[in-house]
C-alpha atoms as a PDB file:
ATOM      1  CA  MET A   1     136.567  93.119  86.124  1.00  0.00           C
ATOM      2  CA  GLY A   2     133.359  95.127  86.533  1.00  0.00           C
ATOM      3  CA  LYS A   3     130.090  93.734  87.793  1.00  0.00           C
ATOM      4  CA  LYS A   4     126.539  93.948  86.496  1.00  0.00           C
ATOM      5  CA  ILE A   5     124.634  95.803  89.195  1.00  0.00           C
ATOM      6  CA  VAL A   6     120.965  96.671  89.686  1.00  0.00           C
ATOM      7  CA  ILE A   7     120.511  99.654  92.008  1.00  0.00           C
ATOM      8  CA  ALA A   8     117.109 100.128  93.644  1.00  0.00           C
ATOM      9  CA  LEU A   9     116.425 103.696  94.764  1.00  0.00           C
ATOM     10  CA  GLY A  10     113.689 104.464  97.280  1.00  0.00           C
ATOM     11  CA  GLY A  11     110.858 106.730  96.130  1.00  0.00           C
ATOM     12  CA  ASN A  12     111.010 108.717  99.372  1.00  0.00           C
ATOM     13  CA  ALA A  13     114.715 109.398  98.676  1.00  0.00           C
ATOM     14  CA  LEU A  14     113.634 111.392  95.613  1.00  0.00           C
ATOM     15  CA  GLY A  15     111.997 114.169  97.598  1.00  0.00           C
ATOM     16  CA  LYS A  16     108.476 115.441  98.247  1.00  0.00           C
ATOM     17  CA  ASN A  17     108.134 117.814  95.272  1.00  0.00           C
ATOM     18  CA  LEU A  18     109.715 118.543  91.891  1.00  0.00           C
ATOM     19  CA  ALA A  19     112.459 120.813  93.238  1.00  0.00           C
ATOM     20  CA  GLU A  20     113.442 118.311  95.939  1.00  0.00           C
ATOM     21  CA  GLN A  21     113.354 115.485  93.400  1.00  0.00           C
ATOM     22  CA  TYR A  22     115.768 117.246  91.049  1.00  0.00           C
ATOM     23  CA  ALA A  23     118.155 118.110  93.897  1.00  0.00           C
ATOM     24  CA  ALA A  24     118.033 114.527  95.182  1.00  0.00           C
ATOM     25  CA  ALA A  25     118.561 113.141  91.677  1.00  0.00           C
ATOM     26  CA  ARG A  26     121.768 115.189  91.296  1.00  0.00           C
ATOM     27  CA  ILE A  27     123.169 113.632  94.483  1.00  0.00           C
ATOM     28  CA  THR A  28     122.037 110.201  93.358  1.00  0.00           C
ATOM     29  CA  ALA A  29     123.762 110.636  89.997  1.00  0.00           C
ATOM     30  CA  LYS A  30     127.157 111.095  91.615  1.00  0.00           C
ATOM     31  CA  THR A  31     126.853 107.795  93.479  1.00  0.00           C
ATOM     32  CA  ILE A  32     125.678 105.891  90.398  1.00  0.00           C
ATOM     33  CA  VAL A  33     128.404 107.355  88.181  1.00  0.00           C
ATOM     34  CA  ASP A  34     131.011 106.426  90.815  1.00  0.00           C
ATOM     35  CA  LEU A  35     130.030 102.794  90.214  1.00  0.00           C
ATOM     36  CA  ILE A  36     130.002 103.233  86.428  1.00  0.00           C
ATOM     37  CA  GLU A  37     133.398 104.931  86.500  1.00  0.00           C
ATOM     38  CA  ALA A  38     134.735 101.896  88.386  1.00  0.00           C
ATOM     39  CA  GLY A  39     133.845  99.738  85.365  1.00  0.00           C
ATOM     40  CA  ASN A  40     130.464  98.341  86.387  1.00  0.00           C
ATOM     41  CA  ASP A  41     127.361  98.033  84.206  1.00  0.00           C
ATOM     42  CA  VAL A  42     124.484  99.629  86.093  1.00  0.00           C
ATOM     43  CA  VAL A  43     120.718  99.375  85.721  1.00  0.00           C
ATOM     44  CA  VAL A  44     118.702 101.737  87.918  1.00  0.00           C
ATOM     45  CA  SER A  45     115.248 101.094  89.362  1.00  0.00           C
ATOM     46  CA  HIS A  46     113.378 103.384  91.723  1.00  0.00           C
ATOM     47  CA  GLY A  47     110.355 103.680  93.943  1.00  0.00           C
ATOM     48  CA  ASN A  48     107.470 106.073  93.352  1.00  0.00           C
ATOM     49  CA  GLY A  49     105.382 105.813  96.520  1.00  0.00           C
ATOM     50  CA  PRO A  50     104.963 109.552  97.116  1.00  0.00           C
ATOM     51  CA  GLN A  51     104.953 110.514  93.438  1.00  0.00           C
ATOM     52  CA  VAL A  52     102.361 108.025  92.174  1.00  0.00           C
ATOM     53  CA  GLY A  53     100.051 108.996  95.014  1.00  0.00           C
ATOM     54  CA  PHE A  54     100.355 112.696  94.189  1.00  0.00           C
ATOM     55  CA  ILE A  55      99.600 112.066  90.522  1.00  0.00           C
ATOM     56  CA  ASN A  56      96.656 109.808  91.261  1.00  0.00           C
ATOM     57  CA  SER A  57      95.105 112.130  93.847  1.00  0.00           C
ATOM     58  CA  ALA A  58      95.585 115.285  91.772  1.00  0.00           C
ATOM     59  CA  ILE A  59      94.102 113.906  88.554  1.00  0.00           C
ATOM     60  CA  SER A  60      91.268 112.138  90.370  1.00  0.00           C
ATOM     61  CA  GLN A  61      90.346 115.379  92.135  1.00  0.00           C
ATOM     62  CA  PHE A  62      90.594 117.368  88.906  1.00  0.00           C
ATOM     63  CA  THR A  63      88.435 114.998  86.857  1.00  0.00           C
ATOM     64  CA  GLY A  64      86.100 113.995  89.658  1.00  0.00           C
ATOM     65  CA  GLU A  65      86.500 110.294  88.937  1.00  0.00           C
ATOM     66  CA  PRO A  66      89.101 107.639  89.839  1.00  0.00           C
ATOM     67  CA  PHE A  67      92.270 107.734  87.721  1.00  0.00           C
ATOM     68  CA  PRO A  68      93.858 104.340  86.887  1.00  0.00           C
ATOM     69  CA  MET A  69      96.893 103.451  88.988  1.00  0.00           C
ATOM     70  CA  THR A  70      98.487 102.028  85.834  1.00  0.00           C
ATOM     71  CA  MET A  71      98.426 105.445  84.169  1.00  0.00           C
ATOM     72  CA  SER A  72      99.678 107.113  87.339  1.00  0.00           C
ATOM     73  CA  GLY A  73     102.539 104.616  87.457  1.00  0.00           C
ATOM     74  CA  ALA A  74     103.452 105.204  83.811  1.00  0.00           C
ATOM     75  CA  MET A  75     103.475 108.977  84.323  1.00  0.00           C
ATOM     76  CA  SER A  76     105.667 108.688  87.424  1.00  0.00           C
ATOM     77  CA  GLN A  77     108.147 106.444  85.576  1.00  0.00           C
ATOM     78  CA  ALA A  78     108.462 109.045  82.842  1.00  0.00           C
ATOM     79  CA  TYR A  79     108.913 112.155  84.943  1.00  0.00           C
ATOM     80  CA  ILE A  80     111.238 110.560  87.513  1.00  0.00           C
ATOM     81  CA  GLY A  81     113.198 108.939  84.681  1.00  0.00           C
ATOM     82  CA  TYR A  82     113.419 112.299  82.917  1.00  0.00           C
ATOM     83  CA  ASP A  83     115.164 113.859  85.913  1.00  0.00           C
ATOM     84  CA  LEU A  84     117.424 110.849  86.520  1.00  0.00           C
ATOM     85  CA  GLN A  85     118.553 110.415  82.935  1.00  0.00           C
ATOM     86  CA  ASN A  86     119.382 114.104  82.562  1.00  0.00           C
ATOM     87  CA  VAL A  87     121.442 114.358  85.748  1.00  0.00           C
ATOM     88  CA  LEU A  88     123.185 111.048  84.972  1.00  0.00           C
ATOM     89  CA  ARG A  89     124.050 112.239  81.452  1.00  0.00           C
ATOM     90  CA  GLU A  90     125.444 115.489  82.818  1.00  0.00           C
ATOM     91  CA  GLU A  91     127.497 113.770  85.530  1.00  0.00           C
ATOM     92  CA  LEU A  92     128.889 111.267  83.030  1.00  0.00           C
ATOM     93  CA  LEU A  93     129.918 113.993  80.572  1.00  0.00           C
ATOM     94  CA  ASP A  94     131.435 116.102  83.370  1.00  0.00           C
ATOM     95  CA  ARG A  95     133.747 113.144  84.055  1.00  0.00           C
ATOM     96  CA  GLY A  96     134.536 112.616  80.388  1.00  0.00           C
ATOM     97  CA  ILE A  97     132.436 109.461  80.110  1.00  0.00           C
ATOM     98  CA  LYS A  98     130.317 109.155  76.958  1.00  0.00           C
ATOM     99  CA  ARG A  99     127.562 106.676  77.793  1.00  0.00           C
ATOM    100  CA  PRO A 100     123.935 107.101  76.652  1.00  0.00           C
ATOM    101  CA  VAL A 101     121.184 107.004  79.279  1.00  0.00           C
ATOM    102  CA  ALA A 102     117.612 105.869  78.627  1.00  0.00           C
ATOM    103  CA  THR A 103     114.402 105.376  80.599  1.00  0.00           C
ATOM    104  CA  ILE A 104     112.214 102.392  79.724  1.00  0.00           C
ATOM    105  CA  VAL A 105     108.545 102.678  80.671  1.00  0.00           C
ATOM    106  CA  THR A 106     108.291  99.155  82.029  1.00  0.00           C
ATOM    107  CA  GLN A 107     105.375  96.753  82.397  1.00  0.00           C
ATOM    108  CA  VAL A 108     105.595  93.892  84.891  1.00  0.00           C
ATOM    109  CA  VAL A 109     103.376  90.830  84.708  1.00  0.00           C
ATOM    110  CA  VAL A 110     101.613  89.773  87.922  1.00  0.00           C
ATOM    111  CA  ASP A 111      99.318  86.842  88.668  1.00  0.00           C
ATOM    112  CA  SER A 112      95.630  87.776  88.558  1.00  0.00           C
ATOM    113  CA  ALA A 113      95.041  85.204  91.328  1.00  0.00           C
ATOM    114  CA  ASP A 114      97.631  86.768  93.641  1.00  0.00           C
ATOM    115  CA  PRO A 115      96.017  86.965  97.120  1.00  0.00           C
ATOM    116  CA  ALA A 116      97.426  90.485  97.500  1.00  0.00           C
ATOM    117  CA  PHE A 117      94.465  91.779  95.481  1.00  0.00           C
ATOM    118  CA  GLN A 118      92.211  90.865  98.409  1.00  0.00           C
ATOM    119  CA  HIS A 119      94.444  92.533 101.014  1.00  0.00           C
ATOM    120  CA  PRO A 120      95.743  96.033 100.054  1.00  0.00           C
ATOM    121  CA  THR A 121      99.001  96.786 101.884  1.00  0.00           C
ATOM    122  CA  LYS A 122     101.190  99.028  99.661  1.00  0.00           C
ATOM    123  CA  PRO A 123     101.424 102.650 100.890  1.00  0.00           C
ATOM    124  CA  ILE A 124     101.181 105.414  98.288  1.00  0.00           C
ATOM    125  CA  GLY A 125     100.982 109.188  98.451  1.00  0.00           C
ATOM    126  CA  ARG A 126     101.685 111.548 101.303  1.00  0.00           C
ATOM    127  CA  PHE A 127     101.622 110.821 105.033  1.00  0.00           C
ATOM    128  CA  MET A 128      98.403 111.835 106.790  1.00  0.00           C
ATOM    129  CA  THR A 129      97.371 112.590 110.344  1.00  0.00           C
ATOM    130  CA  ALA A 130      94.866 110.330 112.094  1.00  0.00           C
ATOM    131  CA  GLU A 131      92.129 112.884 111.379  1.00  0.00           C
ATOM    132  CA  GLU A 132      92.981 113.030 107.662  1.00  0.00           C
ATOM    133  CA  ALA A 133      93.058 109.231 107.568  1.00  0.00           C
ATOM    134  CA  GLU A 134      89.480 109.095 108.855  1.00  0.00           C
ATOM    135  CA  VAL A 135      88.378 111.461 106.086  1.00  0.00           C
ATOM    136  CA  ALA A 136      90.095 109.261 103.493  1.00  0.00           C
ATOM    137  CA  ARG A 137      88.385 106.143 104.884  1.00  0.00           C
ATOM    138  CA  ALA A 138      85.036 107.889 104.658  1.00  0.00           C
ATOM    139  CA  LYS A 139      85.706 108.349 100.923  1.00  0.00           C
ATOM    140  CA  GLY A 140      86.243 104.607 100.522  1.00  0.00           C
ATOM    141  CA  GLU A 141      90.047 104.572 100.611  1.00  0.00           C
ATOM    142  CA  THR A 142      91.925 101.824 102.428  1.00  0.00           C
ATOM    143  CA  VAL A 143      94.271 103.503 104.938  1.00  0.00           C
ATOM    144  CA  MET A 144      96.950 102.025 107.204  1.00  0.00           C
ATOM    145  CA  GLU A 145      99.545 103.287 109.641  1.00  0.00           C
ATOM    146  CA  ASP A 146     102.966 103.215 107.955  1.00  0.00           C
ATOM    147  CA  ALA A 147     105.935 102.201 110.141  1.00  0.00           C
ATOM    148  CA  GLY A 148     105.273 104.825 112.817  1.00  0.00           C
ATOM    149  CA  ARG A 149     105.528 107.699 110.343  1.00  0.00           C
ATOM    150  CA  GLY A 150     101.827 108.483 109.887  1.00  0.00           C
ATOM    151  CA  TYR A 151      98.909 107.160 107.843  1.00  0.00           C
ATOM    152  CA  ARG A 152      98.835 106.494 104.098  1.00  0.00           C
ATOM    153  CA  VAL A 153      96.437 105.174 101.496  1.00  0.00           C
ATOM    154  CA  VAL A 154      97.246 101.549 100.600  1.00  0.00           C
ATOM    155  CA  VAL A 155      96.595  99.558  97.421  1.00  0.00           C
ATOM    156  CA  PRO A 156      97.185  95.888  96.473  1.00  0.00           C
ATOM    157  CA  SER A 157     100.820  94.851  96.019  1.00  0.00           C
ATOM    158  CA  PRO A 158     101.045  91.630  93.987  1.00  0.00           C
ATOM    159  CA  LYS A 159     104.396  89.914  93.459  1.00  0.00           C
ATOM    160  CA  PRO A 160     106.161  90.440  90.103  1.00  0.00           C
ATOM    161  CA  VAL A 161     106.343  87.465  87.743  1.00  0.00           C
ATOM    162  CA  GLU A 162     108.240  88.743  84.715  1.00  0.00           C
ATOM    163  CA  ILE A 163     109.474  91.960  83.099  1.00  0.00           C
ATOM    164  CA  VAL A 164     107.711  92.562  79.769  1.00  0.00           C
ATOM    165  CA  GLU A 165     110.411  94.826  78.301  1.00  0.00           C
ATOM    166  CA  ILE A 166     113.366  92.703  79.494  1.00  0.00           C
ATOM    167  CA  ASP A 167     114.664  92.109  75.932  1.00  0.00           C
ATOM    168  CA  SER A 168     114.783  95.851  75.262  1.00  0.00           C
ATOM    169  CA  ILE A 169     116.610  96.412  78.551  1.00  0.00           C
ATOM    170  CA  HIS A 170     119.123  93.677  77.671  1.00  0.00           C
ATOM    171  CA  THR A 171     119.742  95.181  74.238  1.00  0.00           C
ATOM    172  CA  LEU A 172     120.369  98.666  75.625  1.00  0.00           C
ATOM    173  CA  VAL A 173     122.669  97.462  78.404  1.00  0.00           C
ATOM    174  CA  ASP A 174     124.637  95.264  75.984  1.00  0.00           C
ATOM    175  CA  SER A 175     125.136  98.273  73.704  1.00  0.00           C
ATOM    176  CA  GLY A 176     126.548 100.411  76.532  1.00  0.00           C
ATOM    177  CA  HIS A 177     123.479 102.293  77.743  1.00  0.00           C
ATOM    178  CA  ILE A 178     122.760 103.158  81.354  1.00  0.00           C
ATOM    179  CA  VAL A 179     119.147 102.048  81.755  1.00  0.00           C
ATOM    180  CA  ILE A 180     116.457 103.262  84.158  1.00  0.00           C
ATOM    181  CA  ALA A 181     113.715 100.629  84.339  1.00  0.00           C
ATOM    182  CA  CYS A 182     110.947  99.183  86.516  1.00  0.00           C
ATOM    183  CA  GLY A 183     110.226 102.582  88.037  1.00  0.00           C
ATOM    184  CA  GLY A 184     107.832 102.272  90.950  1.00  0.00           C
ATOM    185  CA  GLY A 185     107.964  98.505  90.625  1.00  0.00           C
ATOM    186  CA  GLY A 186     106.755  98.698  87.025  1.00  0.00           C
ATOM    187  CA  ILE A 187     103.230  98.993  85.646  1.00  0.00           C
ATOM    188  CA  PRO A 188     101.335  95.917  86.908  1.00  0.00           C
ATOM    189  CA  VAL A 189      99.648  93.975  84.114  1.00  0.00           C
ATOM    190  CA  VAL A 190      97.998  90.568  83.794  1.00  0.00           C
ATOM    191  CA  LYS A 191      97.861  88.385  80.708  1.00  0.00           C
ATOM    192  CA  SER A 192      94.410  88.446  79.128  1.00  0.00           C
ATOM    193  CA  GLY A 193      93.569  86.380  76.065  1.00  0.00           C
ATOM    194  CA  LYS A 194      96.216  85.391  73.566  1.00  0.00           C
ATOM    195  CA  ASN A 195      98.480  88.468  73.519  1.00  0.00           C
ATOM    196  CA  HIS A 196      96.737  91.228  75.465  1.00  0.00           C
ATOM    197  CA  LEU A 197      98.208  92.760  78.630  1.00  0.00           C
ATOM    198  CA  LYS A 198      95.636  94.339  80.921  1.00  0.00           C
ATOM    199  CA  GLY A 199      96.633  96.891  83.545  1.00  0.00           C
ATOM    200  CA  VAL A 200      95.457  96.300  87.116  1.00  0.00           C
ATOM    201  CA  ASN A 201      94.852  98.707  90.000  1.00  0.00           C
ATOM    202  CA  ALA A 202      97.895  97.939  92.135  1.00  0.00           C
ATOM    203  CA  VAL A 203     101.485  98.942  92.906  1.00  0.00           C
ATOM    204  CA  ILE A 204     104.277  96.373  92.822  1.00  0.00           C
ATOM    205  CA  ASP A 205     106.872  96.679  95.577  1.00  0.00           C
ATOM    206  CA  LYS A 206     109.955  98.175  93.915  1.00  0.00           C
ATOM    207  CA  ASP A 207     112.343  95.966  95.896  1.00  0.00           C
ATOM    208  CA  PHE A 208     110.719  92.758  94.635  1.00  0.00           C
ATOM    209  CA  ALA A 209     110.492  94.192  91.108  1.00  0.00           C
ATOM    210  CA  SER A 210     114.181  95.133  91.324  1.00  0.00           C
ATOM    211  CA  CYS A 211     114.953  91.588  92.453  1.00  0.00           C
ATOM    212  CA  THR A 212     113.077  90.171  89.447  1.00  0.00           C
ATOM    213  CA  LEU A 213     114.847  92.642  87.153  1.00  0.00           C
ATOM    214  CA  ALA A 214     118.249  91.689  88.610  1.00  0.00           C
ATOM    215  CA  GLN A 215     117.510  87.991  88.133  1.00  0.00           C
ATOM    216  CA  GLN A 216     116.362  88.413  84.534  1.00  0.00           C
ATOM    217  CA  MET A 217     119.364  90.664  83.821  1.00  0.00           C
ATOM    218  CA  ASN A 218     121.642  87.969  85.265  1.00  0.00           C
ATOM    219  CA  ALA A 219     123.145  90.618  87.523  1.00  0.00           C
ATOM    220  CA  ASP A 220     125.957  89.905  89.959  1.00  0.00           C
ATOM    221  CA  CYS A 221     124.697  92.250  92.657  1.00  0.00           C
ATOM    222  CA  LEU A 222     121.460  93.877  93.796  1.00  0.00           C
ATOM    223  CA  ILE A 223     121.991  97.086  95.774  1.00  0.00           C
ATOM    224  CA  ILE A 224     118.963  98.333  97.707  1.00  0.00           C
ATOM    225  CA  LEU A 225     119.429 101.896  98.904  1.00  0.00           C
ATOM    226  CA  THR A 226     117.504 103.039 101.950  1.00  0.00           C
ATOM    227  CA  ALA A 227     117.569 105.499 104.865  1.00  0.00           C
ATOM    228  CA  VAL A 228     120.122 103.623 107.029  1.00  0.00           C
ATOM    229  CA  GLU A 229     123.734 102.557 106.481  1.00  0.00           C
ATOM    230  CA  LYS A 230     123.156  99.015 107.737  1.00  0.00           C
ATOM    231  CA  VAL A 231     120.250  96.724 108.508  1.00  0.00           C
ATOM    232  CA  ALA A 232     119.776  96.293 112.256  1.00  0.00           C
ATOM    233  CA  ILE A 233     118.104  93.879 114.617  1.00  0.00           C
ATOM    234  CA  HIS A 234     116.389  95.220 117.762  1.00  0.00           C
ATOM    235  CA  PHE A 235     116.035  98.448 115.767  1.00  0.00           C
ATOM    236  CA  GLY A 236     115.543 101.573 117.889  1.00  0.00           C
ATOM    237  CA  LYS A 237     116.211  99.744 121.147  1.00  0.00           C
ATOM    238  CA  GLU A 238     119.141  99.924 123.551  1.00  0.00           C
ATOM    239  CA  ASN A 239     120.493  96.620 122.258  1.00  0.00           C
ATOM    240  CA  GLN A 240     120.253  97.590 118.571  1.00  0.00           C
ATOM    241  CA  THR A 241     122.842  95.632 116.591  1.00  0.00           C
ATOM    242  CA  ASN A 242     123.903  96.580 113.066  1.00  0.00           C
ATOM    243  CA  LEU A 243     124.472  93.687 110.672  1.00  0.00           C
ATOM    244  CA  ASP A 244     127.589  93.500 108.498  1.00  0.00           C
ATOM    245  CA  THR A 245     127.715  90.294 106.412  1.00  0.00           C
ATOM    246  CA  ILE A 246     124.987  87.711 106.884  1.00  0.00           C
ATOM    247  CA  THR A 247     123.812  84.601 105.059  1.00  0.00           C
ATOM    248  CA  PRO A 248     120.339  84.165 103.550  1.00  0.00           C
ATOM    249  CA  GLU A 249     119.662  81.627 106.309  1.00  0.00           C
ATOM    250  CA  GLN A 250     120.540  84.136 109.037  1.00  0.00           C
ATOM    251  CA  ALA A 251     118.391  86.775 107.347  1.00  0.00           C
ATOM    252  CA  ALA A 252     115.478  84.320 107.146  1.00  0.00           C
ATOM    253  CA  GLU A 253     115.818  83.592 110.852  1.00  0.00           C
ATOM    254  CA  TYR A 254     115.673  87.298 111.688  1.00  0.00           C
ATOM    255  CA  ILE A 255     112.595  87.622 109.461  1.00  0.00           C
ATOM    256  CA  SER A 256     110.885  84.759 111.310  1.00  0.00           C
ATOM    257  CA  GLN A 257     111.633  86.538 114.587  1.00  0.00           C
ATOM    258  CA  GLY A 258     109.854  89.676 113.354  1.00  0.00           C
ATOM    259  CA  GLU A 259     112.965  91.854 113.417  1.00  0.00           C
ATOM    260  CA  PHE A 260     112.071  93.914 110.336  1.00  0.00           C
ATOM    261  CA  ALA A 261     109.096  96.248 109.947  1.00  0.00           C
ATOM    262  CA  PRO A 262     106.537  95.376 107.237  1.00  0.00           C
ATOM    263  CA  GLY A 263     106.361  98.083 104.567  1.00  0.00           C
ATOM    264  CA  SER A 264     109.821  99.310 105.568  1.00  0.00           C
ATOM    265  CA  MET A 265     112.884  97.061 105.994  1.00  0.00           C
ATOM    266  CA  LEU A 266     111.107  93.707 105.653  1.00  0.00           C
ATOM    267  CA  PRO A 267     110.523  93.763 101.859  1.00  0.00           C
ATOM    268  CA  LYS A 268     114.092  94.957 101.307  1.00  0.00           C
ATOM    269  CA  VAL A 269     115.568  92.029 103.222  1.00  0.00           C
ATOM    270  CA  GLU A 270     113.141  89.557 101.644  1.00  0.00           C
ATOM    271  CA  ALA A 271     113.979  90.773  98.129  1.00  0.00           C
ATOM    272  CA  ALA A 272     117.712  90.697  98.875  1.00  0.00           C
ATOM    273  CA  VAL A 273     117.473  87.115 100.138  1.00  0.00           C
ATOM    274  CA  GLN A 274     115.393  86.047  97.140  1.00  0.00           C
ATOM    275  CA  PHE A 275     118.016  87.410  94.738  1.00  0.00           C
ATOM    276  CA  VAL A 276     120.932  85.747  96.551  1.00  0.00           C
ATOM    277  CA  ARG A 277     119.154  82.388  96.570  1.00  0.00           C
ATOM    278  CA  SER A 278     118.284  82.587  92.864  1.00  0.00           C
ATOM    279  CA  LYS A 279     121.781  81.649  91.658  1.00  0.00           C
ATOM    280  CA  GLU A 280     125.135  80.762  93.191  1.00  0.00           C
ATOM    281  CA  GLY A 281     127.580  83.655  93.408  1.00  0.00           C
ATOM    282  CA  ARG A 282     124.995  86.414  93.605  1.00  0.00           C
ATOM    283  CA  TYR A 283     124.910  88.837  96.526  1.00  0.00           C
ATOM    284  CA  SER A 284     122.872  91.781  97.772  1.00  0.00           C
ATOM    285  CA  ILE A 285     123.758  94.957  99.628  1.00  0.00           C
ATOM    286  CA  ILE A 286     121.453  97.174 101.675  1.00  0.00           C
ATOM    287  CA  THR A 287     122.867 100.585 102.592  1.00  0.00           C
ATOM    288  CA  LEU A 288     122.626 104.372 102.345  1.00  0.00           C
ATOM    289  CA  LEU A 289     122.803 106.074  98.956  1.00  0.00           C
ATOM    290  CA  GLU A 290     125.943 107.945  99.989  1.00  0.00           C
ATOM    291  CA  LYS A 291     127.645 104.708 101.020  1.00  0.00           C
ATOM    292  CA  ALA A 292     126.989 102.675  97.848  1.00  0.00           C
ATOM    293  CA  LYS A 293     130.545 103.014  96.507  1.00  0.00           C
ATOM    294  CA  GLU A 294     132.082 101.964  99.825  1.00  0.00           C
ATOM    295  CA  ALA A 295     129.546  99.153 100.170  1.00  0.00           C
ATOM    296  CA  ILE A 296     130.414  97.621  96.794  1.00  0.00           C
ATOM    297  CA  GLN A 297     134.033  97.627  97.999  1.00  0.00           C
ATOM    298  CA  GLY A 298     132.948  95.692 101.092  1.00  0.00           C
ATOM    299  CA  LYS A 299     133.647  98.552 103.507  1.00  0.00           C
ATOM    300  CA  THR A 300     130.133  99.153 104.827  1.00  0.00           C
ATOM    301  CA  GLY A 301     126.473  98.308 104.373  1.00  0.00           C
ATOM    302  CA  THR A 302     124.783  95.001 105.116  1.00  0.00           C
ATOM    303  CA  ILE A 303     125.939  92.339 102.675  1.00  0.00           C
ATOM    304  CA  ILE A 304     123.835  89.201 102.189  1.00  0.00           C
ATOM    305  CA  ARG A 305     125.660  86.337 100.466  1.00  0.00           C
END
């Protein structure tokens, strides 16, 4: 019997420009359709770190005034979803599978009192040199070094509370659709007044948003796709050890020991653990895109259960 799976794609895995994004999406589609062909119901989420930064910077420079991150996030959801839904549709039809695909521009409620608003940490946009970072700081941007890969602008990253469009997502999935939702972690909004949702200048971590989506979808499995086949401790050192199957308790111990880099592997492991602990029988997998099919069969990847 098939499983209900939420797959979280990394924004960096979607390329640095439109041509790279389309090429990457075609590869991604094959992996996702492999899981669908095996009888699973799949909901796809994705990051937008590079893309939302490009949109925000370009429009801000063009207009000469700051462009809302909420609008940048909505635009990135639409254009990334456009590529993904088209390549998924094509791959499905090429295999003789008639399943509709839809992108939901998704809002995600956050807490206005979340301390993250006082401490921006979420990288967006392109990587910069140290010299470029100084120029960005002089313009009032908050800039941080990002996991040894360069410098990036950072914005607040509050934790997701609930998915606004969850009922629509449920309805589509129940009627046989392949759904792309919570792109870039969703558009962060706070409740204001009786029924109003107000956008806030932030980016929600897509792994935590995917975890919340998986919980509210009552999914069996959360698959977080990244740049390595397995999570490792002592990463990059001579005694690096890849992890196969671990418990949430073991993962928490590794987190407390500082084994995973903030802004890189740490949020992935934390989100995976949170999902597993949310209900008995749930499990998470962290692996490479190309290994997702093998990972769901228990042949590779890091499984947390």
